[in-house]
Amino acid sequence: MNPLSGRVPEAISWIPRDGIGGGGLWKDAPKKLGPSGYGGIQGTAKDINSNSVPKTLKSVSIWSKGGNTGRINAISFTYYDKDNIEVNEGPWGTTDGTPNVISIGHDEYLTKLCVTTANNCVTSLTFNTSKPAVHGPMGKEPTTGDKAFTIDVDPDSIVAFFGRADHYLRAIGAYSAPQA
């Protein structure tokens, strides 16, 4: 199977640098899904601080442009780490376009991320929660020529993101962990 098409392959575990769990792998360590994020290779790699272990996603903000040339310009997000400290990441990209904020309730979690890419950019994002609620697509409506990827972690939850960005969001992947 082409590594950049279809469903995300089995996840690999993320080992924090601070040696949580007696120097070994933290029992519920988040898993990093996507080889280097799904999308293009342009831009700069973006990732969370390796000393901050995400536990629960609080909100996601997306800046996008619709229409035939639509794309995702930027993403930022807030999560609580293993010590319940609120951590803000991003924005990764430029905050041009329409901002969309997804607030995730205390009794809710993100279960799925649907991504489309074209011309080395992320062109749309759709988020599904446990409610169930669907947020998106943000960016342009997916079309036949777009590449589509799904990161479906249910019954676990998406707790953070990584990817590549410059003026636009070029690639995106996700961290998943058991529900907090």
Protein backbone atom coordinates (compact mmCIF):
# COMPACT_ATOMS: atom_id res chain seq x y z
CA MET A 1 0.00 0.00 0.00
CA ASN A 2 1.25 3.48 -0.83
CA PRO A 3 2.39 5.00 2.51
CA LEU A 4 0.70 8.29 1.63
CA SER A 5 -2.74 6.98 0.70
CA GLY A 6 -5.73 5.59 2.51
CA ARG A 7 -6.00 4.77 6.19
CA VAL A 8 -3.19 5.52 8.61
CA PRO A 9 -0.87 2.54 9.25
CA GLU A 10 -0.39 1.12 12.75
CA ALA A 11 0.82 3.75 15.14
CA ILE A 12 4.21 3.88 16.78
CA SER A 13 4.60 4.82 20.43
CA TRP A 14 6.10 8.14 21.39
CA ILE A 15 8.74 8.01 24.11
CA PRO A 16 9.02 11.28 26.06
CA ARG A 17 12.52 12.57 26.78
CA ASP A 18 11.84 12.99 30.49
CA GLY A 19 11.72 9.22 31.05
CA ILE A 20 8.23 9.06 32.52
CA GLY A 21 7.53 5.71 34.14
CA GLY A 22 10.99 5.00 35.53
CA GLY A 23 12.95 5.79 32.39
CA GLY A 24 10.76 3.66 30.13
CA LEU A 25 7.67 4.20 28.03
CA TRP A 26 4.84 5.98 29.82
CA LYS A 27 1.98 3.49 30.18
CA ASP A 28 -0.50 5.63 28.24
CA ALA A 29 2.06 7.45 26.08
CA PRO A 30 0.47 9.12 23.06
CA LYS A 31 0.99 7.42 19.71
CA LYS A 32 2.15 9.45 16.72
CA LEU A 33 -0.02 8.73 13.66
CA GLY A 34 1.30 9.49 10.20
CA PRO A 35 4.89 9.04 9.01
CA SER A 36 5.70 12.77 9.00
CA GLY A 37 2.19 14.09 8.63
CA TYR A 38 0.00 13.55 5.59
CA GLY A 39 0.47 16.11 2.83
CA GLY A 40 3.44 17.85 1.23
CA ILE A 41 7.09 18.00 2.21
CA GLN A 42 7.44 21.79 1.95
CA GLY A 43 7.57 24.02 4.99
CA THR A 44 9.15 23.49 8.39
CA ALA A 45 8.45 20.52 10.64
CA LYS A 46 6.09 21.42 13.51
CA ASP A 47 5.59 19.36 16.63
CA ILE A 48 4.68 19.61 20.28
CA ASN A 49 7.31 20.10 22.98
CA SER A 50 8.73 16.64 23.67
CA ASN A 51 8.75 17.39 27.42
CA SER A 52 4.99 17.94 27.46
CA VAL A 53 2.92 14.75 27.29
CA PRO A 54 -0.58 15.58 25.95
CA LYS A 55 -3.54 14.03 27.77
CA THR A 56 -6.70 15.84 26.59
CA LEU A 57 -7.40 18.19 23.69
CA LYS A 58 -9.28 21.35 24.72
CA SER A 59 -9.68 23.27 21.43
CA VAL A 60 -8.54 23.52 17.82
CA SER A 61 -8.42 26.70 15.71
CA ILE A 62 -8.22 26.52 11.91
CA TRP A 63 -7.67 29.40 9.48
CA SER A 64 -8.80 28.52 5.98
CA LYS A 65 -9.80 29.75 2.57
CA GLY A 66 -12.65 28.12 0.63
CA GLY A 67 -13.43 27.97 -3.07
CA ASN A 68 -11.64 26.07 -5.84
CA THR A 69 -8.20 27.21 -4.64
CA GLY A 70 -9.06 26.71 -0.98
CA ARG A 71 -6.57 25.48 1.57
CA ILE A 72 -5.81 25.40 5.26
CA ASN A 73 -3.64 28.39 6.12
CA ALA A 74 -2.92 27.56 9.77
CA ILE A 75 -3.76 25.44 12.79
CA SER A 76 -3.36 26.09 16.50
CA PHE A 77 -4.58 24.00 19.40
CA THR A 78 -4.69 23.80 23.17
CA TYR A 79 -4.34 20.65 25.23
CA TYR A 80 -3.91 19.63 28.85
CA ASP A 81 -0.74 17.69 29.57
CA LYS A 82 -0.29 14.77 31.98
CA ASP A 83 0.05 17.28 34.87
CA ASN A 84 -3.19 19.09 33.82
CA ILE A 85 -1.21 22.12 32.65
CA GLU A 86 -2.79 23.93 29.70
CA VAL A 87 -0.43 24.02 26.69
CA ASN A 88 -0.94 26.19 23.58
CA GLU A 89 0.65 25.23 20.23
CA GLY A 90 0.77 27.30 17.04
CA PRO A 91 -0.43 28.88 15.02
CA TRP A 92 1.46 26.83 12.45
CA GLY A 93 1.08 28.72 9.15
CA THR A 94 -0.44 32.16 8.58
CA THR A 95 -3.64 33.34 10.22
CA ASP A 96 -5.18 34.54 6.94
CA GLY A 97 -8.68 33.49 6.00
CA THR A 98 -11.69 32.50 8.02
CA PRO A 99 -10.93 31.41 11.59
CA ASN A 100 -12.90 28.42 12.93
CA VAL A 101 -12.64 27.40 16.58
CA ILE A 102 -13.66 23.96 17.80
CA SER A 103 -14.14 23.83 21.56
CA ILE A 104 -14.13 20.32 22.96
CA GLY A 105 -16.24 19.83 26.08
CA HIS A 106 -15.08 18.03 29.23
CA ASP A 107 -17.35 15.07 28.38
CA GLU A 108 -16.24 14.98 24.73
CA TYR A 109 -13.13 13.96 22.81
CA LEU A 110 -11.87 14.03 19.22
CA THR A 111 -12.15 10.61 17.54
CA LYS A 112 -11.39 11.20 13.86
CA LEU A 113 -9.59 13.60 11.54
CA CYS A 114 -10.27 13.55 7.79
CA VAL A 115 -7.66 15.31 5.65
CA THR A 116 -7.53 16.16 1.96
CA THR A 117 -4.42 17.42 0.20
CA ALA A 118 -3.63 18.82 -3.24
CA ASN A 119 -0.73 20.80 -4.69
CA ASN A 120 1.44 20.10 -1.62
CA CYS A 121 -1.04 21.74 0.77
CA VAL A 122 -3.66 20.54 3.20
CA THR A 123 -6.86 21.64 1.45
CA SER A 124 -9.52 20.53 3.93
CA LEU A 125 -9.91 19.23 7.47
CA THR A 126 -12.94 17.60 9.07
CA PHE A 127 -13.03 16.73 12.78
CA ASN A 128 -15.38 14.19 14.41
CA THR A 129 -16.03 14.04 18.14
CA SER A 130 -17.52 11.47 20.50
CA LYS A 131 -20.82 13.40 20.85
CA PRO A 132 -21.06 12.67 17.81
CA ALA A 133 -20.44 16.03 16.19
CA VAL A 134 -18.82 16.81 12.84
CA HIS A 135 -16.85 20.05 12.35
CA GLY A 136 -16.05 20.76 8.71
CA PRO A 137 -14.96 20.37 6.12
CA MET A 138 -12.91 23.51 6.65
CA GLY A 139 -11.04 24.79 3.61
CA LYS A 140 -12.30 23.78 0.19
CA GLU A 141 -14.83 21.06 -0.49
CA PRO A 142 -12.95 17.85 -1.34
CA THR A 143 -12.87 17.00 -5.06
CA THR A 144 -11.97 13.95 -7.14
CA GLY A 145 -8.32 14.95 -7.66
CA ASP A 146 -7.59 15.42 -3.96
CA LYS A 147 -5.79 12.81 -1.87
CA ALA A 148 -7.82 11.82 1.19
CA PHE A 149 -6.54 10.44 4.51
CA THR A 150 -8.38 9.44 7.66
CA ILE A 151 -6.97 9.23 11.16
CA ASP A 152 -9.62 7.30 13.11
CA VAL A 153 -8.58 6.50 16.68
CA ASP A 154 -11.94 5.61 18.27
CA PRO A 155 -12.24 4.43 21.07
CA ASP A 156 -9.08 6.43 21.90
CA SER A 157 -8.87 10.19 21.42
CA ILE A 158 -6.77 12.62 19.40
CA VAL A 159 -4.80 14.71 21.92
CA ALA A 160 -2.42 16.82 19.78
CA PHE A 161 -1.08 17.35 16.25
CA PHE A 162 2.18 17.61 14.31
CA GLY A 163 2.93 18.50 10.71
CA ARG A 164 4.68 20.91 8.35
CA ALA A 165 3.88 24.55 7.66
CA ASP A 166 5.12 27.74 6.04
CA HIS A 167 2.55 30.20 4.64
CA TYR A 168 0.10 27.27 4.59
CA LEU A 169 -0.41 24.04 6.47
CA ARG A 170 1.52 21.58 4.28
CA ALA A 171 1.05 18.32 6.23
CA ILE A 172 -0.70 17.12 9.37
CA GLY A 173 -0.60 14.10 11.64
CA ALA A 174 -2.02 13.41 15.10
CA TYR A 175 -1.17 12.01 18.50
CA SER A 176 -3.68 9.61 20.05
CA ALA A 177 -4.01 8.33 23.60
CA PRO A 178 -6.58 6.47 25.69
CA GLN A 179 -9.40 8.70 26.87
CA ALA A 180 -8.46 10.66 29.97
